[in-house]
All heavy atoms as atom14 arrays in JSON, in Angstrom:
{
  "sequence": "GVSDIVDAYQFTLTMANWLPVTMVGAFSIVLI",
  "atom14_mask": [
    [1, 1, 1, 1, 0, 0, 0, 0, 0, 0, 0, 0, 0, 0],
    [1, 1, 1, 1, 1, 1, 1, 0, 0, 0, 0, 0, 0, 0],
    [1, 1, 1, 1, 1, 1, 0, 0, 0, 0, 0, 0, 0, 0],
    [1, 1, 1, 1, 1, 1, 1, 1, 0, 0, 0, 0, 0, 0],
    [1, 1, 1, 1, 1, 1, 1, 1, 0, 0, 0, 0, 0, 0],
    [1, 1, 1, 1, 1, 1, 1, 0, 0, 0, 0, 0, 0, 0],
    [1, 1, 1, 1, 1, 1, 1, 1, 0, 0, 0, 0, 0, 0],
    [1, 1, 1, 1, 1, 0, 0, 0, 0, 0, 0, 0, 0, 0],
    [1, 1, 1, 1, 1, 1, 1, 1, 1, 1, 1, 1, 0, 0],
    [1, 1, 1, 1, 1, 1, 1, 1, 1, 0, 0, 0, 0, 0],
    [1, 1, 1, 1, 1, 1, 1, 1, 1, 1, 1, 0, 0, 0],
    [1, 1, 1, 1, 1, 1, 1, 0, 0, 0, 0, 0, 0, 0],
    [1, 1, 1, 1, 1, 1, 1, 1, 0, 0, 0, 0, 0, 0],
    [1, 1, 1, 1, 1, 1, 1, 0, 0, 0, 0, 0, 0, 0],
    [1, 1, 1, 1, 1, 1, 1, 1, 0, 0, 0, 0, 0, 0],
    [1, 1, 1, 1, 1, 0, 0, 0, 0, 0, 0, 0, 0, 0],
    [1, 1, 1, 1, 1, 1, 1, 1, 0, 0, 0, 0, 0, 0],
    [1, 1, 1, 1, 1, 1, 1, 1, 1, 1, 1, 1, 1, 1],
    [1, 1, 1, 1, 1, 1, 1, 1, 0, 0, 0, 0, 0, 0],
    [1, 1, 1, 1, 1, 1, 1, 0, 0, 0, 0, 0, 0, 0],
    [1, 1, 1, 1, 1, 1, 1, 0, 0, 0, 0, 0, 0, 0],
    [1, 1, 1, 1, 1, 1, 1, 0, 0, 0, 0, 0, 0, 0],
    [1, 1, 1, 1, 1, 1, 1, 1, 0, 0, 0, 0, 0, 0],
    [1, 1, 1, 1, 1, 1, 1, 0, 0, 0, 0, 0, 0, 0],
    [1, 1, 1, 1, 0, 0, 0, 0, 0, 0, 0, 0, 0, 0],
    [1, 1, 1, 1, 1, 0, 0, 0, 0, 0, 0, 0, 0, 0],
    [1, 1, 1, 1, 1, 1, 1, 1, 1, 1, 1, 0, 0, 0],
    [1, 1, 1, 1, 1, 1, 0, 0, 0, 0, 0, 0, 0, 0],
    [1, 1, 1, 1, 1, 1, 1, 1, 0, 0, 0, 0, 0, 0],
    [1, 1, 1, 1, 1, 1, 1, 0, 0, 0, 0, 0, 0, 0],
    [1, 1, 1, 1, 1, 1, 1, 1, 0, 0, 0, 0, 0, 0],
    [1, 1, 1, 1, 1, 1, 1, 1, 0, 0, 0, 0, 0, 0]
  ],
  "atom14_positions": [
    [[0.81, -1.21, 0.0], [0.0, 0.0, 0.0], [0.85, 1.26, 0.0], [1.97, 1.28, -0.51], [0.0, 0.0, 0.0], [0.0, 0.0, 0.0], [0.0, 0.0, 0.0], [0.0, 0.0, 0.0], [0.0, 0.0, 0.0], [0.0, 0.0, 0.0], [0.0, 0.0, 0.0], [0.0, 0.0, 0.0], [0.0, 0.0, 0.0], [0.0, 0.0, 0.0]],
    [[0.31, 2.36, 0.56], [1.07, 3.6, 0.76], [1.6, 3.54, 2.18], [0.91, 3.88, 3.14], [0.18, 4.84, 0.54], [0.97, 6.12, 0.81], [-0.36, 4.85, -0.89], [0.0, 0.0, 0.0], [0.0, 0.0, 0.0], [0.0, 0.0, 0.0], [0.0, 0.0, 0.0], [0.0, 0.0, 0.0], [0.0, 0.0, 0.0], [0.0, 0.0, 0.0]],
    [[2.83, 3.08, 2.34], [3.35, 2.74, 3.67], [4.79, 3.2, 3.83], [5.42, 3.72, 2.9], [3.28, 1.22, 3.87], [4.13, 0.56, 2.96], [0.0, 0.0, 0.0], [0.0, 0.0, 0.0], [0.0, 0.0, 0.0], [0.0, 0.0, 0.0], [0.0, 0.0, 0.0], [0.0, 0.0, 0.0], [0.0, 0.0, 0.0], [0.0, 0.0, 0.0]],
    [[5.32, 2.97, 5.04], [6.71, 3.34, 5.33], [7.68, 2.53, 4.48], [8.74, 3.06, 4.08], [7.01, 3.11, 6.81], [6.28, 4.08, 7.72], [5.95, 5.18, 7.24], [6.02, 3.74, 8.88], [0.0, 0.0, 0.0], [0.0, 0.0, 0.0], [0.0, 0.0, 0.0], [0.0, 0.0, 0.0], [0.0, 0.0, 0.0], [0.0, 0.0, 0.0]],
    [[7.36, 1.27, 4.19], [8.24, 0.45, 3.38], [8.36, 1.02, 1.96], [9.46, 1.11, 1.4], [7.74, -1.0, 3.32], [7.8, -1.65, 4.71], [8.55, -1.82, 2.33], [9.19, -1.83, 5.25], [0.0, 0.0, 0.0], [0.0, 0.0, 0.0], [0.0, 0.0, 0.0], [0.0, 0.0, 0.0], [0.0, 0.0, 0.0], [0.0, 0.0, 0.0]],
    [[7.23, 1.43, 1.39], [7.26, 2.01, 0.05], [7.97, 3.36, 0.07], [8.7, 3.7, -0.86], [5.83, 2.14, -0.52], [5.87, 2.75, -1.92], [5.17, 0.78, -0.58], [0.0, 0.0, 0.0], [0.0, 0.0, 0.0], [0.0, 0.0, 0.0], [0.0, 0.0, 0.0], [0.0, 0.0, 0.0], [0.0, 0.0, 0.0], [0.0, 0.0, 0.0]],
    [[7.74, 4.14, 1.13], [8.5, 5.39, 1.29], [10.0, 5.11, 1.26], [10.77, 5.78, 0.56], [8.15, 6.04, 2.63], [7.06, 7.1, 2.48], [6.65, 7.37, 1.35], [6.64, 7.65, 3.51], [0.0, 0.0, 0.0], [0.0, 0.0, 0.0], [0.0, 0.0, 0.0], [0.0, 0.0, 0.0], [0.0, 0.0, 0.0], [0.0, 0.0, 0.0]],
    [[10.43, 4.09, 2.02], [11.85, 3.75, 2.1], [12.38, 3.27, 0.76], [13.48, 3.66, 0.33], [12.07, 2.67, 3.16], [0.0, 0.0, 0.0], [0.0, 0.0, 0.0], [0.0, 0.0, 0.0], [0.0, 0.0, 0.0], [0.0, 0.0, 0.0], [0.0, 0.0, 0.0], [0.0, 0.0, 0.0], [0.0, 0.0, 0.0], [0.0, 0.0, 0.0]],
    [[11.61, 2.44, 0.08], [12.04, 1.92, -1.22], [12.2, 3.05, -2.23], [13.2, 3.12, -2.95], [11.04, 0.88, -1.73], [11.44, 0.28, -3.06], [12.42, -0.7, -3.12], [10.86, 0.71, -4.24], [12.8, -1.25, -4.34], [11.24, 0.18, -5.46], [12.21, -0.8, -5.5], [12.59, -1.33, -6.7], [0.0, 0.0, 0.0], [0.0, 0.0, 0.0]],
    [[11.21, 3.95, -2.29], [11.26, 5.05, -3.24], [12.42, 5.98, -2.94], [13.15, 6.42, -3.84], [9.94, 5.82, -3.22], [9.84, 6.96, -4.22], [9.88, 6.47, -5.66], [9.5, 5.33, -5.92], [10.35, 7.31, -6.57], [0.0, 0.0, 0.0], [0.0, 0.0, 0.0], [0.0, 0.0, 0.0], [0.0, 0.0, 0.0], [0.0, 0.0, 0.0]],
    [[12.62, 6.31, -1.66], [13.7, 7.2, -1.26], [15.06, 6.56, -1.57], [15.95, 7.21, -2.15], [13.59, 7.52, 0.23], [14.67, 8.42, 0.75], [14.58, 9.8, 0.61], [15.8, 7.89, 1.38], [15.58, 10.64, 1.08], [16.8, 8.72, 1.85], [16.69, 10.1, 1.71], [0.0, 0.0, 0.0], [0.0, 0.0, 0.0], [0.0, 0.0, 0.0]],
    [[15.24, 5.31, -1.2], [16.53, 4.63, -1.4], [16.83, 4.44, -2.87], [17.97, 4.66, -3.33], [16.53, 3.26, -0.69], [16.07, 3.42, 0.65], [17.93, 2.66, -0.68], [0.0, 0.0, 0.0], [0.0, 0.0, 0.0], [0.0, 0.0, 0.0], [0.0, 0.0, 0.0], [0.0, 0.0, 0.0], [0.0, 0.0, 0.0], [0.0, 0.0, 0.0]],
    [[15.82, 4.06, -3.65], [15.99, 3.88, -5.08], [16.47, 5.17, -5.74], [17.43, 5.18, -6.53], [14.67, 3.43, -5.7], [14.59, 3.36, -7.24], [15.52, 2.28, -7.75], [13.17, 3.13, -7.7], [0.0, 0.0, 0.0], [0.0, 0.0, 0.0], [0.0, 0.0, 0.0], [0.0, 0.0, 0.0], [0.0, 0.0, 0.0], [0.0, 0.0, 0.0]],
    [[15.83, 6.27, -5.4], [16.15, 7.55, -6.04], [17.51, 8.07, -5.59], [18.35, 8.46, -6.42], [15.07, 8.59, -5.73], [13.81, 8.11, -6.18], [15.38, 9.92, -6.41], [0.0, 0.0, 0.0], [0.0, 0.0, 0.0], [0.0, 0.0, 0.0], [0.0, 0.0, 0.0], [0.0, 0.0, 0.0], [0.0, 0.0, 0.0], [0.0, 0.0, 0.0]],
    [[17.75, 8.06, -4.29], [18.97, 8.66, -3.78], [20.22, 7.82, -4.1], [21.28, 8.36, -4.41], [18.85, 8.87, -2.26], [17.7, 9.78, -1.85], [17.76, 11.44, -2.59], [19.21, 12.1, -1.81], [0.0, 0.0, 0.0], [0.0, 0.0, 0.0], [0.0, 0.0, 0.0], [0.0, 0.0, 0.0], [0.0, 0.0, 0.0], [0.0, 0.0, 0.0]],
    [[20.1, 6.5, -4.02], [21.26, 5.64, -4.29], [21.57, 5.57, -5.77], [22.73, 5.37, -6.17], [21.02, 4.24, -3.73], [0.0, 0.0, 0.0], [0.0, 0.0, 0.0], [0.0, 0.0, 0.0], [0.0, 0.0, 0.0], [0.0, 0.0, 0.0], [0.0, 0.0, 0.0], [0.0, 0.0, 0.0], [0.0, 0.0, 0.0], [0.0, 0.0, 0.0]],
    [[20.54, 5.72, -6.6], [20.73, 5.57, -8.05], [21.09, 6.86, -8.75], [21.48, 6.83, -9.92], [19.44, 5.01, -8.69], [19.46, 3.5, -8.77], [20.38, 2.85, -8.32], [18.41, 2.94, -9.34], [0.0, 0.0, 0.0], [0.0, 0.0, 0.0], [0.0, 0.0, 0.0], [0.0, 0.0, 0.0], [0.0, 0.0, 0.0], [0.0, 0.0, 0.0]],
    [[20.95, 7.99, -8.08], [21.03, 9.25, -8.83], [22.39, 9.46, -9.49], [22.47, 9.88, -10.65], [20.66, 10.44, -7.95], [21.73, 10.96, -7.05], [21.93, 10.64, -5.76], [22.75, 11.91, -7.38], [23.02, 11.32, -5.25], [23.53, 12.11, -6.23], [23.06, 12.62, -8.54], [24.61, 12.98, -6.21], [24.14, 13.49, -8.52], [24.91, 13.67, -7.35]],
    [[23.48, 9.14, -8.78], [24.8, 9.37, -9.38], [25.1, 8.38, -10.51], [25.51, 8.81, -11.59], [25.89, 9.33, -8.31], [27.29, 9.69, -8.79], [27.3, 11.04, -9.48], [28.29, 9.67, -7.63], [0.0, 0.0, 0.0], [0.0, 0.0, 0.0], [0.0, 0.0, 0.0], [0.0, 0.0, 0.0], [0.0, 0.0, 0.0], [0.0, 0.0, 0.0]],
    [[24.93, 7.05, -10.3], [25.19, 6.15, -11.44], [24.27, 6.4, -12.63], [24.71, 6.32, -13.78], [24.98, 4.75, -10.85], [24.2, 4.96, -9.6], [24.61, 6.3, -9.09], [0.0, 0.0, 0.0], [0.0, 0.0, 0.0], [0.0, 0.0, 0.0], [0.0, 0.0, 0.0], [0.0, 0.0, 0.0], [0.0, 0.0, 0.0], [0.0, 0.0, 0.0]],
    [[23.0, 6.71, -12.37], [22.08, 6.99, -13.47], [22.49, 8.27, -14.19], [22.41, 8.38, -15.42], [20.64, 7.1, -12.95], [19.71, 7.67, -14.01], [20.14, 5.73, -12.51], [0.0, 0.0, 0.0], [0.0, 0.0, 0.0], [0.0, 0.0, 0.0], [0.0, 0.0, 0.0], [0.0, 0.0, 0.0], [0.0, 0.0, 0.0], [0.0, 0.0, 0.0]],
    [[22.98, 9.27, -13.43], [23.48, 10.5, -14.03], [24.66, 10.21, -14.95], [24.74, 10.71, -16.09], [23.93, 11.48, -12.94], [22.8, 11.82, -12.14], [24.52, 12.74, -13.53], [0.0, 0.0, 0.0], [0.0, 0.0, 0.0], [0.0, 0.0, 0.0], [0.0, 0.0, 0.0], [0.0, 0.0, 0.0], [0.0, 0.0, 0.0], [0.0, 0.0, 0.0]],
    [[25.59, 9.41, -14.47], [26.77, 9.09, -15.26], [26.39, 8.3, -16.5], [26.92, 8.54, -17.59], [27.77, 8.32, -14.4], [28.26, 9.12, -13.21], [29.38, 8.2, -12.15], [30.79, 8.07, -13.24], [0.0, 0.0, 0.0], [0.0, 0.0, 0.0], [0.0, 0.0, 0.0], [0.0, 0.0, 0.0], [0.0, 0.0, 0.0], [0.0, 0.0, 0.0]],
    [[25.48, 7.35, -16.35], [25.02, 6.58, -17.5], [24.37, 7.49, -18.53], [24.61, 7.37, -19.74], [24.03, 5.47, -17.05], [23.29, 4.9, -18.25], [24.78, 4.37, -16.31], [0.0, 0.0, 0.0], [0.0, 0.0, 0.0], [0.0, 0.0, 0.0], [0.0, 0.0, 0.0], [0.0, 0.0, 0.0], [0.0, 0.0, 0.0], [0.0, 0.0, 0.0]],
    [[23.55, 8.45, -18.07], [22.9, 9.37, -18.99], [23.9, 10.22, -19.75], [23.79, 10.39, -20.97], [0.0, 0.0, 0.0], [0.0, 0.0, 0.0], [0.0, 0.0, 0.0], [0.0, 0.0, 0.0], [0.0, 0.0, 0.0], [0.0, 0.0, 0.0], [0.0, 0.0, 0.0], [0.0, 0.0, 0.0], [0.0, 0.0, 0.0], [0.0, 0.0, 0.0]],
    [[24.9, 10.74, -19.03], [25.91, 11.59, -19.68], [26.78, 10.77, -20.64], [27.01, 11.17, -21.78], [26.78, 12.25, -18.63], [0.0, 0.0, 0.0], [0.0, 0.0, 0.0], [0.0, 0.0, 0.0], [0.0, 0.0, 0.0], [0.0, 0.0, 0.0], [0.0, 0.0, 0.0], [0.0, 0.0, 0.0], [0.0, 0.0, 0.0], [0.0, 0.0, 0.0]],
    [[27.27, 9.63, -20.17], [28.17, 8.83, -20.99], [27.45, 8.23, -22.2], [28.05, 8.1, -23.26], [28.8, 7.73, -20.15], [29.72, 8.23, -19.07], [30.02, 7.47, -17.97], [30.27, 9.51, -19.16], [30.86, 7.94, -16.97], [31.12, 9.99, -18.17], [31.41, 9.2, -17.07], [0.0, 0.0, 0.0], [0.0, 0.0, 0.0], [0.0, 0.0, 0.0]],
    [[26.18, 7.89, -22.04], [25.44, 7.31, -23.16], [25.33, 8.32, -24.3], [25.5, 7.98, -25.48], [24.06, 6.86, -22.72], [24.14, 5.78, -21.82], [0.0, 0.0, 0.0], [0.0, 0.0, 0.0], [0.0, 0.0, 0.0], [0.0, 0.0, 0.0], [0.0, 0.0, 0.0], [0.0, 0.0, 0.0], [0.0, 0.0, 0.0], [0.0, 0.0, 0.0]],
    [[25.03, 9.56, -23.94], [24.84, 10.59, -24.97], [26.13, 10.83, -25.75], [26.1, 11.0, -26.97], [24.33, 11.89, -24.33], [22.89, 11.69, -23.82], [24.37, 13.05, -25.32], [22.35, 12.86, -23.04], [0.0, 0.0, 0.0], [0.0, 0.0, 0.0], [0.0, 0.0, 0.0], [0.0, 0.0, 0.0], [0.0, 0.0, 0.0], [0.0, 0.0, 0.0]],
    [[27.26, 10.82, -25.06], [28.53, 11.05, -25.77], [29.12, 9.75, -26.31], [29.88, 9.78, -27.28], [29.55, 11.76, -24.86], [29.03, 13.1, -24.41], [29.93, 10.91, -23.66], [0.0, 0.0, 0.0], [0.0, 0.0, 0.0], [0.0, 0.0, 0.0], [0.0, 0.0, 0.0], [0.0, 0.0, 0.0], [0.0, 0.0, 0.0], [0.0, 0.0, 0.0]],
    [[28.77, 8.63, -25.7], [29.34, 7.36, -26.12], [28.76, 6.86, -27.43], [29.48, 6.32, -28.28], [29.11, 6.28, -25.05], [30.24, 5.97, -24.07], [29.81, 4.88, -23.13], [31.49, 5.57, -24.83], [0.0, 0.0, 0.0], [0.0, 0.0, 0.0], [0.0, 0.0, 0.0], [0.0, 0.0, 0.0], [0.0, 0.0, 0.0], [0.0, 0.0, 0.0]],
    [[27.45, 7.03, -27.6], [26.81, 6.44, -28.78], [27.38, 7.0, -30.07], [27.75, 6.23, -30.98], [25.28, 6.58, -28.69], [24.75, 5.68, -27.57], [24.62, 6.22, -30.01], [23.28, 5.85, -27.27], [0.0, 0.0, 0.0], [0.0, 0.0, 0.0], [0.0, 0.0, 0.0], [0.0, 0.0, 0.0], [0.0, 0.0, 0.0], [0.0, 0.0, 0.0]]
  ]
}
C-alpha cells in the first residue's frame, strides 16, 4: 500500500541511483 516500506524503497531507489544513473545518462549521450 502507501506505507513506510514504500517510502523507504522510493527514497533509497532515487537517492542511491542518482549518481550512477546521471553518469550513465551523460556517458550514453557522448558514447553512442
